[in-house]
Amino acid sequence: MISEHFDTRTRINMKLALDRVCRNRPDGEDHGFRKSVAENIIRCALTGRTGIGQLVDAGERAMIRTRSQREPA
């Protein structure tokens, strides 16, 4: 799926962004957490924002949203 939509450079940037957002996080290896971050990174890239900084920002926004959904009110 991803290889159909993105060139090699974009796929590499997406992988790097996911790794940067998830590394050194207590839940960084959690599948659900990584999936949420990856989905936001993919949405960002689909809009044409494929720079590493843009993708990391998108991943961090997902991380903040995911964390707030997990915390009790």
Protein backbone atom coordinates (compact mmCIF):
# COMPACT_ATOMS: atom_id res chain seq x y z
CA MET A 1 0.00 0.00 0.00
CA ILE A 2 2.59 2.57 1.06
CA SER A 3 4.98 1.78 -1.77
CA GLU A 4 2.22 2.53 -4.29
CA HIS A 5 1.76 6.10 -3.00
CA PHE A 6 5.23 7.25 -1.99
CA ASP A 7 8.69 7.39 -3.48
CA THR A 8 11.72 5.89 -1.76
CA ARG A 9 12.84 9.13 -0.13
CA THR A 10 9.40 9.75 1.37
CA ARG A 11 9.17 6.19 2.70
CA ILE A 12 12.59 6.59 4.34
CA ASN A 13 11.54 9.91 5.89
CA MET A 14 8.34 8.31 7.17
CA LYS A 15 10.27 5.46 8.81
CA LEU A 16 12.76 7.89 10.36
CA ALA A 17 9.93 10.07 11.67
CA LEU A 18 8.20 7.07 13.26
CA ASP A 19 11.45 5.96 14.89
CA ARG A 20 12.23 9.48 16.18
CA VAL A 21 8.80 9.94 17.70
CA CYS A 22 8.71 6.51 19.33
CA ARG A 23 12.28 6.13 20.60
CA ASN A 24 12.92 6.73 24.27
CA ARG A 25 9.18 6.73 24.99
CA PRO A 26 7.90 4.28 27.60
CA ASP A 27 5.14 3.17 25.22
CA GLY A 28 7.25 3.57 22.08
CA GLU A 29 7.22 -0.15 21.32
CA ASP A 30 3.50 -0.58 21.95
CA HIS A 31 1.79 -1.64 18.72
CA GLY A 32 -1.28 0.53 19.22
CA PHE A 33 0.83 3.58 19.99
CA ARG A 34 3.10 3.08 16.97
CA LYS A 35 0.09 2.47 14.74
CA SER A 36 -1.53 5.73 15.80
CA VAL A 37 1.69 7.66 15.18
CA ALA A 38 2.25 5.93 11.81
CA GLU A 39 -1.30 6.67 10.64
CA ASN A 40 -0.83 10.37 11.33
CA ILE A 41 2.51 10.36 9.53
CA ILE A 42 0.88 8.70 6.51
CA ARG A 43 -1.95 11.26 6.48
CA CYS A 44 0.62 14.04 6.54
CA ALA A 45 2.58 12.54 3.64
CA LEU A 46 -0.59 12.04 1.61
CA THR A 47 -1.17 15.80 1.74
CA GLY A 48 2.26 16.37 0.19
CA ARG A 49 4.09 17.35 3.37
CA THR A 50 6.93 14.85 3.14
CA GLY A 51 9.87 16.62 4.78
CA ILE A 52 11.32 14.88 7.81
CA GLY A 53 10.42 17.81 10.09
CA GLN A 54 6.84 17.87 8.87
CA LEU A 55 6.47 14.13 9.36
CA VAL A 56 7.99 14.21 12.84
CA ASP A 57 5.62 17.04 13.79
CA ALA A 58 2.67 14.99 12.56
CA GLY A 59 3.85 12.00 14.56
CA GLU A 60 4.29 14.07 17.69
CA ARG A 61 0.78 15.48 17.34
CA ALA A 62 -0.53 11.91 17.21
CA MET A 63 1.55 11.02 20.26
CA ILE A 64 0.04 13.88 22.25
CA ARG A 65 -3.47 12.94 21.15
CA THR A 66 -2.93 9.25 21.94
CA ARG A 67 -1.50 10.06 25.36
CA SER A 68 -4.44 12.32 26.25
CA GLN A 69 -6.91 9.61 25.24
CA ARG A 70 -5.21 7.10 27.53
CA GLU A 71 -5.10 9.34 30.60
CA PRO A 72 -8.10 9.18 32.91
CA ALA A 73 -10.24 12.30 33.08
